[in-house]
Amino acid sequence: ARLYGGAQYHRVLRYYHHLLLTAPLPQITDDEVALLSNSITDVHDASDLMRAVALLVQQKLELVMEDILADMTRRLLYVMERQWE
């Protein structure tokens, strides 16, 4: 069945919402945390570890989500261009 207008737009959003929630994420290793926390400050406390983990998560999410978001943008532009035809 062919969808038009808002229904097609919402179907694309639902598809990518599901894809983002189920995308496999790379594991963060203890070695990565140790290497990054050593480069933040000379004093190693819990806030340094949390900062290191947050930076690692951000880097890994950017790697995974970059392609997904680029594809979603392309698909939504396609849908939006045809909304008013």
N, C-alpha and C. Protein backbone atom coordinates (compact mmCIF):
# COMPACT_ATOMS: atom_id res chain seq x y z
N ALA A 1 0.84 -1.18 0.00
CA ALA A 1 0.00 0.00 0.00
C ALA A 1 0.89 1.24 0.00
N ARG A 2 0.48 2.18 -0.78
CA ARG A 2 1.25 3.41 -0.91
C ARG A 2 0.73 4.45 0.06
N LEU A 3 1.64 5.07 0.79
CA LEU A 3 1.25 6.10 1.75
C LEU A 3 1.61 7.48 1.19
N TYR A 4 0.84 8.46 1.59
CA TYR A 4 1.07 9.83 1.14
C TYR A 4 1.10 10.76 2.34
N GLY A 5 1.76 11.89 2.15
CA GLY A 5 1.71 12.96 3.14
C GLY A 5 2.25 12.58 4.49
N GLY A 6 1.49 12.94 5.51
CA GLY A 6 1.92 12.74 6.89
C GLY A 6 2.11 11.29 7.26
N ALA A 7 1.32 10.39 6.67
CA ALA A 7 1.44 8.97 6.99
C ALA A 7 2.81 8.43 6.58
N GLN A 8 3.27 8.83 5.40
CA GLN A 8 4.59 8.38 4.94
C GLN A 8 5.69 8.97 5.83
N TYR A 9 5.55 10.23 6.20
CA TYR A 9 6.52 10.90 7.07
C TYR A 9 6.60 10.18 8.42
N HIS A 10 5.45 9.87 9.01
CA HIS A 10 5.43 9.21 10.31
C HIS A 10 5.96 7.77 10.22
N ARG A 11 5.74 7.10 9.11
CA ARG A 11 6.28 5.76 8.95
C ARG A 11 7.80 5.80 8.91
N VAL A 12 8.36 6.79 8.22
CA VAL A 12 9.82 6.93 8.17
C VAL A 12 10.36 7.21 9.57
N LEU A 13 9.70 8.09 10.32
CA LEU A 13 10.16 8.40 11.68
C LEU A 13 10.10 7.16 12.58
N ARG A 14 9.03 6.38 12.47
CA ARG A 14 8.91 5.16 13.28
C ARG A 14 10.01 4.16 12.94
N TYR A 15 10.28 4.02 11.64
CA TYR A 15 11.31 3.08 11.21
C TYR A 15 12.68 3.47 11.80
N TYR A 16 13.04 4.74 11.68
CA TYR A 16 14.35 5.16 12.18
C TYR A 16 14.39 5.22 13.70
N HIS A 17 13.28 5.47 14.34
CA HIS A 17 13.23 5.42 15.80
C HIS A 17 13.56 4.00 16.27
N HIS A 18 12.93 3.03 15.64
CA HIS A 18 13.21 1.63 15.97
C HIS A 18 14.67 1.28 15.65
N LEU A 19 15.17 1.73 14.51
CA LEU A 19 16.55 1.44 14.11
C LEU A 19 17.55 2.03 15.11
N LEU A 20 17.30 3.25 15.56
CA LEU A 20 18.21 3.88 16.53
C LEU A 20 18.18 3.16 17.88
N LEU A 21 17.01 2.69 18.28
CA LEU A 21 16.90 2.00 19.56
C LEU A 21 17.53 0.60 19.53
N THR A 22 17.58 -0.02 18.37
CA THR A 22 18.09 -1.39 18.28
C THR A 22 19.46 -1.49 17.64
N ALA A 23 20.08 -0.37 17.32
CA ALA A 23 21.41 -0.40 16.68
C ALA A 23 22.43 -1.00 17.65
N PRO A 24 23.26 -1.90 17.16
CA PRO A 24 24.28 -2.48 18.04
C PRO A 24 25.34 -1.44 18.37
N LEU A 25 25.65 -1.32 19.64
CA LEU A 25 26.64 -0.34 20.08
C LEU A 25 27.93 -1.06 20.44
N PRO A 26 29.08 -0.49 20.05
CA PRO A 26 30.35 -1.11 20.41
C PRO A 26 30.58 -1.05 21.93
N GLN A 27 31.21 -2.07 22.45
CA GLN A 27 31.50 -2.13 23.88
C GLN A 27 32.64 -1.18 24.23
N ILE A 28 32.57 -0.63 25.43
CA ILE A 28 33.65 0.20 25.95
C ILE A 28 34.48 -0.68 26.87
N THR A 29 35.78 -0.74 26.60
CA THR A 29 36.65 -1.61 27.39
C THR A 29 37.26 -0.83 28.56
N ASP A 30 37.71 -1.58 29.54
CA ASP A 30 38.39 -0.96 30.69
C ASP A 30 39.66 -0.25 30.25
N ASP A 31 40.34 -0.81 29.25
CA ASP A 31 41.57 -0.19 28.76
C ASP A 31 41.31 1.19 28.16
N GLU A 32 40.21 1.31 27.40
CA GLU A 32 39.86 2.61 26.82
C GLU A 32 39.60 3.64 27.91
N VAL A 33 38.88 3.26 28.93
CA VAL A 33 38.58 4.16 30.04
C VAL A 33 39.87 4.56 30.75
N ALA A 34 40.73 3.60 31.00
CA ALA A 34 41.99 3.88 31.69
C ALA A 34 42.87 4.83 30.88
N LEU A 35 42.97 4.59 29.57
CA LEU A 35 43.79 5.45 28.73
C LEU A 35 43.25 6.87 28.68
N LEU A 36 41.95 7.00 28.55
CA LEU A 36 41.36 8.34 28.45
C LEU A 36 41.37 9.05 29.80
N SER A 37 41.14 8.34 30.88
CA SER A 37 41.11 9.01 32.19
C SER A 37 42.51 9.48 32.59
N ASN A 38 43.54 8.82 32.14
CA ASN A 38 44.90 9.27 32.43
C ASN A 38 45.24 10.56 31.71
N SER A 39 44.60 10.82 30.58
CA SER A 39 44.92 12.03 29.82
C SER A 39 44.09 13.23 30.24
N ILE A 40 43.09 13.07 31.12
CA ILE A 40 42.24 14.19 31.51
C ILE A 40 42.94 15.06 32.54
N THR A 41 43.30 14.51 33.68
CA THR A 41 43.99 15.27 34.73
C THR A 41 44.98 14.36 35.43
N ASP A 42 45.79 14.95 36.29
CA ASP A 42 46.75 14.16 37.06
C ASP A 42 46.09 13.50 38.26
N VAL A 43 45.01 14.10 38.75
CA VAL A 43 44.28 13.54 39.89
C VAL A 43 43.19 12.64 39.35
N HIS A 44 43.15 11.39 39.83
CA HIS A 44 42.18 10.43 39.31
C HIS A 44 41.11 10.19 40.36
N ASP A 45 39.93 10.72 40.11
CA ASP A 45 38.82 10.51 41.01
C ASP A 45 37.60 10.07 40.20
N ALA A 46 36.48 9.92 40.87
CA ALA A 46 35.27 9.41 40.21
C ALA A 46 34.79 10.32 39.08
N SER A 47 34.94 11.63 39.26
CA SER A 47 34.47 12.54 38.21
C SER A 47 35.31 12.40 36.94
N ASP A 48 36.61 12.10 37.09
CA ASP A 48 37.44 11.85 35.91
C ASP A 48 36.99 10.59 35.18
N LEU A 49 36.66 9.56 35.94
CA LEU A 49 36.19 8.33 35.31
C LEU A 49 34.87 8.56 34.59
N MET A 50 33.97 9.28 35.22
CA MET A 50 32.67 9.56 34.59
C MET A 50 32.86 10.40 33.32
N ARG A 51 33.74 11.37 33.38
CA ARG A 51 34.02 12.20 32.22
C ARG A 51 34.61 11.36 31.09
N ALA A 52 35.53 10.45 31.43
CA ALA A 52 36.14 9.58 30.43
C ALA A 52 35.10 8.67 29.78
N VAL A 53 34.24 8.09 30.61
CA VAL A 53 33.19 7.21 30.07
C VAL A 53 32.24 8.00 29.18
N ALA A 54 31.85 9.20 29.60
CA ALA A 54 30.95 10.02 28.80
C ALA A 54 31.56 10.36 27.45
N LEU A 55 32.85 10.70 27.44
CA LEU A 55 33.53 11.01 26.17
C LEU A 55 33.59 9.78 25.26
N LEU A 56 33.87 8.63 25.84
CA LEU A 56 33.92 7.40 25.04
C LEU A 56 32.56 7.05 24.46
N VAL A 57 31.53 7.18 25.27
CA VAL A 57 30.18 6.89 24.78
C VAL A 57 29.81 7.84 23.64
N GLN A 58 30.13 9.11 23.80
CA GLN A 58 29.84 10.08 22.76
C GLN A 58 30.57 9.73 21.46
N GLN A 59 31.85 9.38 21.55
CA GLN A 59 32.61 9.02 20.36
C GLN A 59 32.04 7.79 19.66
N LYS A 60 31.70 6.78 20.45
CA LYS A 60 31.18 5.54 19.87
C LYS A 60 29.79 5.75 19.26
N LEU A 61 28.95 6.55 19.92
CA LEU A 61 27.62 6.84 19.36
C LEU A 61 27.73 7.62 18.06
N GLU A 62 28.68 8.55 18.00
CA GLU A 62 28.86 9.31 16.76
C GLU A 62 29.23 8.39 15.62
N LEU A 63 30.08 7.40 15.89
CA LEU A 63 30.47 6.45 14.84
C LEU A 63 29.27 5.66 14.33
N VAL A 64 28.44 5.17 15.25
CA VAL A 64 27.31 4.34 14.88
C VAL A 64 26.18 5.16 14.25
N MET A 65 25.88 6.30 14.84
CA MET A 65 24.71 7.06 14.44
C MET A 65 24.92 7.94 13.21
N GLU A 66 26.17 8.22 12.87
CA GLU A 66 26.43 9.12 11.75
C GLU A 66 25.78 8.63 10.45
N ASP A 67 26.00 7.37 10.12
CA ASP A 67 25.42 6.81 8.89
C ASP A 67 23.90 6.72 8.96
N ILE A 68 23.39 6.32 10.12
CA ILE A 68 21.94 6.20 10.28
C ILE A 68 21.27 7.56 10.13
N LEU A 69 21.82 8.58 10.77
CA LEU A 69 21.22 9.91 10.68
C LEU A 69 21.34 10.51 9.28
N ALA A 70 22.44 10.23 8.58
CA ALA A 70 22.58 10.71 7.21
C ALA A 70 21.54 10.06 6.30
N ASP A 71 21.33 8.76 6.47
CA ASP A 71 20.33 8.05 5.68
C ASP A 71 18.92 8.54 6.02
N MET A 72 18.66 8.78 7.30
CA MET A 72 17.35 9.28 7.71
C MET A 72 17.09 10.67 7.13
N THR A 73 18.10 11.52 7.14
CA THR A 73 17.96 12.86 6.56
C THR A 73 17.63 12.78 5.08
N ARG A 74 18.35 11.92 4.36
CA ARG A 74 18.10 11.76 2.92
C ARG A 74 16.68 11.27 2.67
N ARG A 75 16.24 10.30 3.45
CA ARG A 75 14.89 9.74 3.25
C ARG A 75 13.80 10.75 3.60
N LEU A 76 14.00 11.49 4.69
CA LEU A 76 12.99 12.49 5.07
C LEU A 76 12.93 13.64 4.05
N LEU A 77 14.07 14.02 3.49
CA LEU A 77 14.04 15.04 2.44
C LEU A 77 13.25 14.55 1.23
N TYR A 78 13.44 13.29 0.88
CA TYR A 78 12.69 12.70 -0.23
C TYR A 78 11.18 12.76 0.04
N VAL A 79 10.80 12.38 1.27
CA VAL A 79 9.38 12.37 1.64
C VAL A 79 8.83 13.79 1.64
N MET A 80 9.58 14.72 2.23
CA MET A 80 9.09 16.10 2.34
C MET A 80 8.96 16.77 0.96
N GLU A 81 9.87 16.45 0.04
CA GLU A 81 9.77 17.03 -1.30
C GLU A 81 8.50 16.57 -2.01
N ARG A 82 8.04 15.38 -1.71
CA ARG A 82 6.85 14.84 -2.38
C ARG A 82 5.57 15.09 -1.61
N GLN A 83 5.67 15.73 -0.45
CA GLN A 83 4.47 16.03 0.35
C GLN A 83 3.48 16.91 -0.41
N TRP A 84 3.99 17.86 -1.19
CA TRP A 84 3.12 18.85 -1.80
C TRP A 84 2.98 18.67 -3.31
N GLU A 85 3.26 17.47 -3.79
CA GLU A 85 3.08 17.21 -5.24
C GLU A 85 1.64 16.84 -5.53
